[in-house]
Amino acid sequence: MSCKKGRVAEDIAVKYIATLNFKILDRNFYSTFGEVDIIATKDNILHFIEVKSGTSFNPAHNLTNRKLERIIKTIETYLIKYPSELDISIDLIAIQGNQIDLFENITI
């Protein structure tokens, strides 16, 4: 996915989760391991959200075990820099055309 398409998908995701009462804390947090697209809170849970989009396939299939492992390492880096007592959730937003799906608390 190009940077421009990725940014558009992330903008759509941010608007979507705002309607669900998520509070956006950060976007595009980078570490040496990778990136977390969106960091937000809701109901005293710290959400680390990966955004995937596509048109002719289910974009959720682009979240590989390797990518998830890199996200987890990036989350660990974030929590060292910004300690939190909140429970955490790793989430995925899949955008395909006009369909937006939020998958909360995903695992390998």
Protein backbone atom coordinates (compact mmCIF):
# COMPACT_ATOMS: atom_id res chain seq x y z
CA MET A 1 0.00 0.00 0.00
CA SER A 2 1.35 3.42 -0.85
CA CYS A 3 1.91 6.00 1.87
CA LYS A 4 -0.90 8.15 0.48
CA LYS A 5 -3.41 5.25 0.47
CA GLY A 6 -2.25 4.23 3.93
CA ARG A 7 -2.75 7.76 5.26
CA VAL A 8 -6.25 7.93 3.74
CA ALA A 9 -7.16 4.57 5.33
CA GLU A 10 -5.81 5.72 8.69
CA ASP A 11 -7.80 8.96 8.46
CA ILE A 12 -10.96 6.95 7.79
CA ALA A 13 -10.15 4.66 10.73
CA VAL A 14 -9.60 7.61 13.09
CA LYS A 15 -12.95 9.14 12.12
CA TYR A 16 -14.66 5.76 12.55
CA ILE A 17 -13.31 5.01 16.02
CA ALA A 18 -14.06 8.59 17.13
CA THR A 19 -17.74 7.77 16.49
CA LEU A 20 -17.29 4.82 18.88
CA ASN A 21 -15.99 7.15 21.63
CA PHE A 22 -12.32 6.25 21.35
CA LYS A 23 -9.93 9.05 22.35
CA ILE A 24 -6.95 9.28 20.00
CA LEU A 25 -3.63 9.62 21.85
CA ASP A 26 -1.14 9.18 19.04
CA ARG A 27 -0.76 8.20 15.40
CA ASN A 28 2.11 6.53 13.60
CA PHE A 29 4.25 5.71 16.62
CA TYR A 30 7.58 4.38 15.34
CA SER A 31 10.22 2.24 17.01
CA THR A 32 13.18 0.35 15.61
CA PHE A 33 10.85 -2.66 15.30
CA GLY A 34 8.03 -1.05 13.34
CA GLU A 35 5.00 1.17 13.68
CA VAL A 36 1.64 1.31 15.40
CA ASP A 37 -0.90 3.18 13.28
CA ILE A 38 -3.22 4.47 16.01
CA ILE A 39 -3.02 4.55 19.79
CA ALA A 40 -6.27 5.34 21.58
CA THR A 41 -8.16 4.82 24.82
CA LYS A 42 -11.70 3.74 25.53
CA ASP A 43 -13.26 2.47 28.75
CA ASN A 44 -9.90 2.49 30.56
CA ILE A 45 -8.26 0.30 27.92
CA LEU A 46 -5.23 1.38 25.89
CA HIS A 47 -5.82 0.30 22.28
CA PHE A 48 -3.00 -0.21 19.78
CA ILE A 49 -4.67 -0.28 16.39
CA GLU A 50 -3.30 -1.56 13.08
CA VAL A 51 -5.12 -0.36 9.95
CA LYS A 52 -5.29 -2.47 6.80
CA SER A 53 -7.18 -1.65 3.62
CA GLY A 54 -7.78 -3.19 0.23
CA THR A 55 -10.30 -3.34 -2.57
CA SER A 56 -10.24 -6.80 -4.11
CA PHE A 57 -9.36 -8.90 -1.06
CA ASN A 58 -9.99 -9.06 2.67
CA PRO A 59 -7.36 -6.67 4.04
CA ALA A 60 -7.34 -8.43 7.42
CA HIS A 61 -5.33 -11.21 5.74
CA ASN A 62 -2.41 -8.77 5.38
CA LEU A 63 -1.79 -8.86 9.13
CA THR A 64 0.78 -11.62 9.36
CA ASN A 65 2.23 -13.23 12.48
CA ARG A 66 5.53 -11.48 11.74
CA LYS A 67 3.83 -8.08 11.48
CA LEU A 68 1.95 -8.73 14.73
CA GLU A 69 5.20 -9.66 16.48
CA ARG A 70 6.74 -6.36 15.31
CA ILE A 71 3.69 -4.48 16.57
CA ILE A 72 4.04 -6.15 19.98
CA LYS A 73 7.69 -5.10 20.19
CA THR A 74 6.72 -1.57 19.20
CA ILE A 75 4.03 -1.56 21.91
CA GLU A 76 6.64 -2.63 24.46
CA THR A 77 8.80 0.32 23.34
CA TYR A 78 5.83 2.68 23.66
CA LEU A 79 5.06 1.45 27.17
CA ILE A 80 8.69 1.97 28.25
CA LYS A 81 8.51 5.54 26.97
CA TYR A 82 4.94 6.16 28.20
CA PRO A 83 4.19 3.84 31.13
CA SER A 84 0.51 3.08 31.69
CA GLU A 85 -1.52 1.21 34.27
CA LEU A 86 -4.31 0.58 31.75
CA ASP A 87 -5.05 -2.83 30.29
CA ILE A 88 -4.03 -3.04 26.65
CA SER A 89 -5.70 -4.35 23.53
CA ILE A 90 -4.18 -4.94 20.11
CA ASP A 91 -6.84 -4.21 17.51
CA LEU A 92 -7.25 -4.30 13.75
CA ILE A 93 -9.35 -2.07 11.56
CA ALA A 94 -9.94 -3.57 8.11
CA ILE A 95 -11.28 -1.24 5.43
CA GLN A 96 -12.60 -2.69 2.19
CA GLY A 97 -14.51 -0.21 0.05
CA ASN A 98 -17.21 1.29 2.29
CA GLN A 99 -16.99 -1.58 4.80
CA ILE A 100 -15.11 -0.91 8.04
CA ASP A 101 -14.57 -3.73 10.51
CA LEU A 102 -13.01 -3.35 13.96
CA PHE A 103 -11.48 -6.49 15.47
CA GLU A 104 -10.56 -5.94 19.10
CA ASN A 105 -8.03 -7.84 21.17
CA ILE A 106 -6.48 -9.89 18.37
CA THR A 107 -3.75 -12.44 19.02
CA ILE A 108 -1.33 -14.57 17.08
